[in-house]
Amino acid sequence: MNLKRKIITSIYPLQIKISKLTGMGINIYENKGKVVAPQHFYSLKATLNNGEEISFERFKNKKVLIVNLASLCGFTPQYTELQELYEKAENLVILGFPANNFGDQEPGSDDEIGNFCKLNYGVTFPLFKKDDVTGSEKQPVYQWLSDKNKNGWNDVEPQWNFYKYLIDENGNLEKVFSSSVSPNDINL
């Protein structure tokens, strides 16, 4: 791990403590009305970082946590927490979507990102091809996540890396968590 990544990793615990103590940066949006998505989540497809396209049909009857990722971000240590959650939580799938939309914090290729995640954090949850998660060019999964005409209630795009979107077992968007919410603090 290079020096920049070591610094990021060492600062992360303090950053999360400050957020928990002050509430600064912690945002959780909920589908309190249990609104059903007008467009089915299971109709979506995405391409894994190895080039294989998968249908989200395979995630029926499971909770799905979708996270936009970056390897040079102050929240990068969340990879460890995401992997731990992936290993211990029953009936949960975590889907990682690398993106370079925030501060050029994900400059690597799909192969480099995959190797970085596996070597440094032991990541085994699915990683998808690097793509945009904000703006007019955002990929279809993030179009669904941030358009209430598709998901039923949420228009919030990721504001930074490691924004988390929780889909319930019926394919409805249940909650959106800001970057400062640790995966360890997500109630499934």
Protein backbone atom coordinates (compact mmCIF):
# COMPACT_ATOMS: atom_id res chain seq x y z
CA MET A 1 0.00 0.00 0.00
CA ASN A 2 1.45 3.37 -0.96
CA LEU A 3 1.90 6.29 1.45
CA LYS A 4 -1.26 8.13 0.38
CA ARG A 5 -3.37 5.03 1.00
CA LYS A 6 -1.69 4.44 4.38
CA ILE A 7 -2.55 7.98 5.46
CA ILE A 8 -6.15 7.56 4.29
CA THR A 9 -6.46 4.27 6.17
CA SER A 10 -5.06 5.72 9.40
CA ILE A 11 -7.37 8.77 9.37
CA TYR A 12 -10.60 6.84 8.66
CA PRO A 13 -11.39 5.73 12.27
CA LEU A 14 -11.08 9.32 13.51
CA GLN A 15 -13.25 10.57 10.66
CA ILE A 16 -16.03 8.09 11.54
CA LYS A 17 -15.79 8.89 15.29
CA ILE A 18 -16.18 12.61 14.60
CA SER A 19 -19.17 11.92 12.35
CA LYS A 20 -20.83 9.77 15.02
CA LEU A 21 -20.20 12.33 17.77
CA THR A 22 -21.31 15.38 15.81
CA GLY A 23 -23.72 13.86 13.31
CA MET A 24 -21.76 15.74 10.67
CA GLY A 25 -22.10 14.14 7.26
CA ILE A 26 -24.50 11.44 8.43
CA ASN A 27 -27.59 11.33 6.25
CA ILE A 28 -30.04 8.45 6.05
CA TYR A 29 -33.02 8.69 3.72
CA GLU A 30 -35.83 6.17 4.22
CA ASN A 31 -38.75 4.90 2.20
CA LYS A 32 -41.10 5.48 5.13
CA GLY A 33 -44.20 5.16 2.98
CA LYS A 34 -43.09 1.73 1.70
CA VAL A 35 -43.47 3.04 -1.85
CA VAL A 36 -43.24 0.33 -4.49
CA ALA A 37 -40.86 1.03 -7.36
CA PRO A 38 -42.69 1.79 -10.65
CA GLN A 39 -39.79 0.20 -12.58
CA HIS A 40 -38.69 -3.20 -11.32
CA PHE A 41 -35.20 -3.35 -9.82
CA TYR A 42 -34.97 -6.89 -11.17
CA SER A 43 -35.25 -5.61 -14.75
CA LEU A 44 -31.80 -4.02 -14.40
CA LYS A 45 -28.56 -5.46 -15.78
CA ALA A 46 -24.95 -4.46 -15.22
CA THR A 47 -21.52 -5.60 -16.38
CA LEU A 48 -19.09 -7.11 -13.90
CA ASN A 49 -15.46 -5.96 -14.01
CA ASN A 50 -14.61 -9.19 -15.88
CA GLY A 51 -16.97 -8.23 -18.73
CA GLU A 52 -19.84 -10.60 -17.80
CA GLU A 53 -23.27 -8.98 -17.95
CA ILE A 54 -25.60 -10.09 -15.19
CA SER A 55 -29.32 -9.68 -14.68
CA PHE A 56 -30.49 -8.46 -11.31
CA GLU A 57 -33.16 -11.18 -11.45
CA ARG A 58 -30.61 -13.33 -9.61
CA PHE A 59 -31.03 -11.11 -6.54
CA LYS A 60 -34.75 -11.75 -6.05
CA ASN A 61 -35.73 -12.42 -2.42
CA LYS A 62 -32.44 -10.97 -1.13
CA LYS A 63 -31.50 -7.61 0.31
CA VAL A 64 -29.01 -5.79 -1.89
CA LEU A 65 -26.58 -3.08 -0.77
CA ILE A 66 -25.22 -1.05 -3.69
CA VAL A 67 -22.13 1.07 -3.06
CA ASN A 68 -20.13 3.40 -5.31
CA LEU A 69 -16.44 2.80 -4.62
CA ALA A 70 -13.04 4.49 -4.92
CA SER A 71 -9.55 3.39 -3.92
CA LEU A 72 -8.07 6.80 -3.03
CA CYS A 73 -10.87 8.11 -0.83
CA GLY A 74 -10.97 8.79 2.90
CA PHE A 75 -13.77 6.22 3.07
CA THR A 76 -11.79 3.50 1.25
CA PRO A 77 -11.30 1.56 4.53
CA GLN A 78 -15.04 0.84 4.34
CA TYR A 79 -14.05 -1.98 1.97
CA THR A 80 -13.10 -3.97 5.10
CA GLU A 81 -16.46 -3.29 6.75
CA LEU A 82 -18.36 -4.08 3.55
CA GLN A 83 -16.53 -7.39 3.18
CA GLU A 84 -17.24 -8.29 6.83
CA LEU A 85 -20.92 -7.44 6.36
CA TYR A 86 -21.01 -9.49 3.15
CA GLU A 87 -19.57 -12.51 4.95
CA LYS A 88 -21.77 -12.38 8.05
CA ALA A 89 -25.16 -11.09 6.91
CA GLU A 90 -27.55 -13.75 5.71
CA ASN A 91 -29.63 -13.02 2.65
CA LEU A 92 -27.58 -9.93 1.71
CA VAL A 93 -25.69 -9.24 -1.49
CA ILE A 94 -23.28 -6.32 -1.76
CA LEU A 95 -22.65 -4.88 -5.23
CA GLY A 96 -19.68 -2.56 -5.71
CA PHE A 97 -19.64 0.05 -8.46
CA PRO A 98 -16.27 1.79 -8.86
CA ALA A 99 -16.54 5.36 -10.10
CA ASN A 100 -14.20 8.27 -10.69
CA ASN A 101 -16.84 10.99 -10.24
CA PHE A 102 -15.47 12.52 -7.03
CA GLY A 103 -12.01 14.07 -6.87
CA ASP A 104 -10.46 11.61 -9.36
CA GLN A 105 -10.25 9.14 -6.48
CA GLU A 106 -10.65 6.05 -8.65
CA PRO A 107 -8.10 6.41 -11.46
CA GLY A 108 -7.45 2.69 -11.94
CA SER A 109 -8.60 0.31 -14.66
CA ASP A 110 -11.12 -2.43 -13.87
CA ASP A 111 -8.27 -4.96 -13.48
CA GLU A 112 -6.31 -2.63 -11.20
CA ILE A 113 -9.39 -1.95 -9.07
CA GLY A 114 -10.19 -5.67 -8.76
CA ASN A 115 -6.62 -6.50 -7.77
CA PHE A 116 -6.46 -3.62 -5.28
CA CYS A 117 -9.70 -4.71 -3.59
CA LYS A 118 -8.70 -8.35 -3.36
CA LEU A 119 -5.10 -7.79 -2.21
CA ASN A 120 -5.72 -4.99 0.30
CA TYR A 121 -9.21 -5.79 1.61
CA GLY A 122 -9.94 -9.41 0.63
CA VAL A 123 -13.04 -8.32 -1.28
CA THR A 124 -15.12 -11.19 -2.64
CA PHE A 125 -18.40 -9.35 -3.27
CA PRO A 126 -19.18 -8.57 -6.93
CA LEU A 127 -17.41 -5.57 -8.48
CA PHE A 128 -18.78 -3.98 -11.63
CA LYS A 129 -17.12 -2.08 -14.45
CA LYS A 130 -16.02 1.43 -13.53
CA ASP A 131 -18.62 3.88 -14.74
CA ASP A 132 -20.33 7.15 -13.86
CA VAL A 133 -22.73 7.19 -10.90
CA THR A 134 -23.76 10.86 -11.22
CA GLY A 135 -24.72 13.27 -13.96
CA SER A 136 -26.31 12.75 -17.34
CA GLU A 137 -23.93 9.91 -18.25
CA LYS A 138 -24.54 7.80 -15.14
CA GLN A 139 -24.99 4.11 -15.73
CA PRO A 140 -28.50 2.52 -15.64
CA VAL A 141 -28.35 1.13 -12.09
CA TYR A 142 -27.62 4.60 -10.73
CA GLN A 143 -30.29 6.08 -12.99
CA TRP A 144 -32.76 3.79 -11.22
CA LEU A 145 -31.37 4.53 -7.74
CA SER A 146 -31.61 8.31 -8.14
CA ASP A 147 -34.84 8.81 -10.10
CA LYS A 148 -38.11 8.67 -8.17
CA ASN A 149 -39.96 7.97 -11.42
CA LYS A 150 -38.07 4.66 -11.49
CA ASN A 151 -37.52 3.75 -7.81
CA GLY A 152 -40.68 5.39 -6.42
CA TRP A 153 -39.33 7.99 -3.99
CA ASN A 154 -35.63 8.94 -4.15
CA ASP A 155 -33.94 11.57 -6.32
CA VAL A 156 -30.66 11.70 -4.36
CA GLU A 157 -27.52 10.88 -6.36
CA PRO A 158 -24.36 9.92 -4.52
CA GLN A 159 -22.79 13.04 -3.03
CA TRP A 160 -19.41 11.31 -2.61
CA ASN A 161 -17.78 7.89 -2.77
CA PHE A 162 -19.21 5.10 -0.61
CA TYR A 163 -22.83 6.20 -0.77
CA LYS A 164 -24.95 3.15 0.01
CA TYR A 165 -28.37 2.16 -1.32
CA LEU A 166 -30.30 -0.67 0.35
CA ILE A 167 -32.83 -2.59 -1.73
CA ASP A 168 -35.33 -4.80 0.13
CA GLU A 169 -36.19 -8.43 -0.66
CA ASN A 170 -39.00 -7.27 -2.98
CA GLY A 171 -36.78 -5.08 -5.12
CA ASN A 172 -37.80 -1.75 -3.61
CA LEU A 173 -35.37 0.96 -2.55
CA GLU A 174 -35.54 0.92 1.25
CA LYS A 175 -32.82 3.33 2.45
CA VAL A 176 -29.99 5.56 1.25
CA PHE A 177 -26.92 6.08 3.46
CA SER A 178 -24.36 8.84 3.07
CA SER A 179 -20.63 8.07 2.97
CA SER A 180 -20.18 8.85 6.67
CA VAL A 181 -22.48 6.01 7.67
CA SER A 182 -20.26 3.03 8.42
CA PRO A 183 -21.43 -0.32 6.99
CA ASN A 184 -21.15 -1.54 10.61
CA ASP A 185 -23.99 0.83 11.54
CA ILE A 186 -26.46 -0.29 8.89
CA ASN A 187 -29.46 -2.10 10.33
CA LEU A 188 -30.61 -4.80 7.99
